Amino acid sequence: MAKSTRPATGTTTPSAAAAPAPAAMTPEPVPAPIHAGPMSTVPVDAIVTGLPPRGLGRIPITKVSPVVEGGAYPAKAVAGELFPVTARVFREGHDAVNANVVLTSPDGTETSTPMVQIEPWGLDIWQAWVRADAEGDWTFRVEAW
C-alpha cells in the first residue's frame, strides 16, 4: 500500500508544553497610586512648607458659604447686590472667638466686614452681608481669631 503525501486534516489537541500556565492568564495586581493614603487630604503647600493644613488649626473654619459644587464653579451675584457669607467658626474650650470676611475686588482692594454669630446655641455659625459693587472676579476669605 502506498503512503499518502497529503497532510492530515482535522483538529489536534495542543501539547501540554504549548498550553499557557493558569497563572499567566490572571492579570497582575495594579500598584496603588502614589497619592493614595492619609496624605492625600493634606494640601501640597502644607507638605512643602511643613505648616499645618489650613482649617485644622486652633480655630477651625468650616462650611464656608456661598460655594457651588464644592468650589468647582464660582458663586455669582449681580453688581451691587448684598449677599451673605456664612461659616462655622469654633474653638476648643471657652475662649472668645470672632471672625471677619475679607472681600477682595478685581483690582486687589480688600474690604473687611465683621461677622456676627447668628446661631450661638452650639452650632457656631457666623454671618456677614457683603456687597460686590462692580463686575469682575471677586474673592473672599473668612478670618477668625
Protein backbone atom coordinates (compact mmCIF):
# COMPACT_ATOMS: atom_id res chain seq x y z
CA MET A 1 0.00 0.00 0.00
CA ALA A 2 1.22 3.45 -0.86
CA LYS A 3 1.54 6.23 1.67
CA SER A 4 -0.38 9.45 1.17
CA THR A 5 1.62 12.67 0.77
CA ARG A 6 -1.31 14.86 1.80
CA PRO A 7 -1.13 16.42 5.24
CA ALA A 8 -3.62 15.10 7.73
CA THR A 9 -6.73 17.25 8.27
CA GLY A 10 -8.83 17.68 11.39
CA THR A 11 -8.37 19.10 14.84
CA THR A 12 -5.47 18.37 17.03
CA THR A 13 -5.02 18.99 20.73
CA PRO A 14 -2.07 21.10 21.71
CA SER A 15 0.57 19.52 23.79
CA ALA A 16 0.82 20.32 27.48
CA ALA A 17 4.02 22.30 26.88
CA ALA A 18 2.25 24.68 24.48
CA ALA A 19 -0.71 25.44 26.82
CA PRO A 20 -0.39 28.68 28.80
CA ALA A 21 0.01 28.29 32.53
CA PRO A 22 -3.05 29.32 34.58
CA ALA A 23 -1.01 31.93 36.45
CA ALA A 24 -0.17 33.70 33.20
CA MET A 25 -3.87 34.19 32.46
CA THR A 26 -4.60 36.15 35.66
CA PRO A 27 -3.83 39.87 35.46
CA GLU A 28 -1.12 41.23 37.66
CA PRO A 29 -2.22 43.49 40.51
CA VAL A 30 -2.08 47.20 39.72
CA PRO A 31 0.01 49.17 42.20
CA ALA A 32 -1.78 51.85 44.21
CA PRO A 33 -1.31 55.46 43.07
CA ILE A 34 1.40 57.41 44.81
CA HIS A 35 -1.08 59.94 46.26
CA ALA A 36 -3.28 57.30 47.90
CA GLY A 37 -3.37 57.11 51.66
CA PRO A 38 -3.81 59.53 54.51
CA MET A 39 -1.60 62.22 52.95
CA SER A 40 -3.99 62.65 50.01
CA THR A 41 -6.12 65.08 52.04
CA VAL A 42 -3.21 67.32 53.05
CA PRO A 43 -2.67 70.37 50.81
CA VAL A 44 0.59 70.36 48.87
CA ASP A 45 1.70 73.66 50.40
CA ALA A 46 1.42 72.12 53.88
CA ILE A 47 3.69 69.25 52.84
CA VAL A 48 6.26 71.52 51.20
CA THR A 49 6.39 74.22 53.91
CA GLY A 50 5.85 71.95 56.91
CA LEU A 51 2.98 74.14 58.14
CA PRO A 52 -0.23 72.54 59.43
CA PRO A 53 -3.03 72.27 56.86
CA ARG A 54 -5.37 75.24 56.62
CA GLY A 55 -8.59 74.95 58.60
CA LEU A 56 -7.14 72.49 61.10
CA GLY A 57 -5.54 74.97 63.47
CA ARG A 58 -6.74 76.09 66.87
CA ILE A 59 -9.71 77.92 65.35
CA PRO A 60 -11.18 75.78 62.54
CA ILE A 61 -13.26 77.47 59.84
CA THR A 62 -15.60 75.04 58.08
CA LYS A 63 -18.76 75.05 55.94
CA VAL A 64 -17.97 78.36 54.25
CA SER A 65 -20.76 79.62 52.01
CA PRO A 66 -21.51 80.69 49.25
CA VAL A 67 -19.95 77.78 47.40
CA VAL A 68 -21.19 75.96 44.31
CA GLU A 69 -20.47 72.23 43.86
CA GLY A 70 -17.73 72.24 46.48
CA GLY A 71 -15.90 75.12 44.82
CA ALA A 72 -15.90 73.62 41.32
CA TYR A 73 -17.83 76.63 39.98
CA PRO A 74 -17.77 80.27 41.08
CA ALA A 75 -20.68 81.65 43.08
CA LYS A 76 -22.32 84.52 41.22
CA ALA A 77 -24.03 87.76 42.23
CA VAL A 78 -25.24 90.89 40.48
CA ALA A 79 -23.07 94.00 40.89
CA GLY A 80 -24.34 95.96 43.89
CA GLU A 81 -26.30 93.02 45.35
CA LEU A 82 -25.93 92.18 49.03
CA PHE A 83 -25.16 88.51 49.65
CA PRO A 84 -24.47 86.58 52.86
CA VAL A 85 -21.20 84.89 53.67
CA THR A 86 -21.55 82.26 56.38
CA ALA A 87 -19.07 79.96 58.07
CA ARG A 88 -18.83 77.67 61.06
CA VAL A 89 -16.13 79.13 63.31
CA PHE A 90 -15.34 77.49 66.63
CA ARG A 91 -12.59 76.96 69.13
CA GLU A 92 -11.62 74.37 71.68
CA GLY A 93 -12.52 75.47 75.19
CA HIS A 94 -14.42 78.54 76.34
CA ASP A 95 -12.28 81.33 74.92
CA ALA A 96 -13.89 84.11 72.90
CA VAL A 97 -13.95 83.79 69.10
CA ASN A 98 -14.53 86.43 66.46
CA ALA A 99 -14.49 86.45 62.65
CA ASN A 100 -14.30 88.78 59.65
CA VAL A 101 -15.00 88.44 55.94
CA VAL A 102 -12.34 89.98 53.73
CA LEU A 103 -13.75 90.78 50.28
CA THR A 104 -11.14 91.36 47.55
CA SER A 105 -12.13 93.31 44.43
CA PRO A 106 -10.77 92.54 40.94
CA ASP A 107 -8.21 95.34 41.31
CA GLY A 108 -6.91 93.90 44.63
CA THR A 109 -8.61 96.28 47.09
CA GLU A 110 -9.58 94.46 50.29
CA THR A 111 -12.59 95.32 52.46
CA SER A 112 -13.03 93.73 55.89
CA THR A 113 -16.53 93.19 57.30
CA PRO A 114 -17.12 91.87 60.82
CA MET A 115 -19.19 88.69 61.12
CA VAL A 116 -21.97 88.15 63.65
CA GLN A 117 -22.72 84.86 65.35
CA ILE A 118 -26.25 84.02 64.16
CA GLU A 119 -26.67 80.67 65.90
CA PRO A 120 -24.91 80.77 69.26
CA TRP A 121 -26.67 77.65 70.57
CA GLY A 122 -23.80 75.31 69.83
CA LEU A 123 -23.76 75.49 66.04
CA ASP A 124 -21.23 78.36 65.94
CA ILE A 125 -22.48 79.77 62.63
CA TRP A 126 -21.23 83.25 61.79
CA GLN A 127 -22.57 85.51 59.04
CA ALA A 128 -21.84 88.83 57.34
CA TRP A 129 -23.60 90.55 54.46
CA VAL A 130 -21.21 91.94 51.83
CA ARG A 131 -21.61 93.73 48.51
CA ALA A 132 -19.58 93.41 45.32
CA ASP A 133 -20.08 96.87 43.85
CA ALA A 134 -18.58 96.23 40.38
CA GLU A 135 -18.41 93.43 37.83
CA GLY A 136 -15.40 91.14 37.82
CA ASP A 137 -13.77 88.24 39.62
CA TRP A 138 -14.16 88.95 43.33
CA THR A 139 -12.81 86.70 46.06
CA PHE A 140 -13.48 86.44 49.76
CA ARG A 141 -11.91 84.78 52.75
CA VAL A 142 -13.01 84.24 56.32
CA GLU A 143 -10.56 85.18 59.06
CA ALA A 144 -11.01 84.16 62.68
CA TRP A 145 -9.18 84.88 65.91
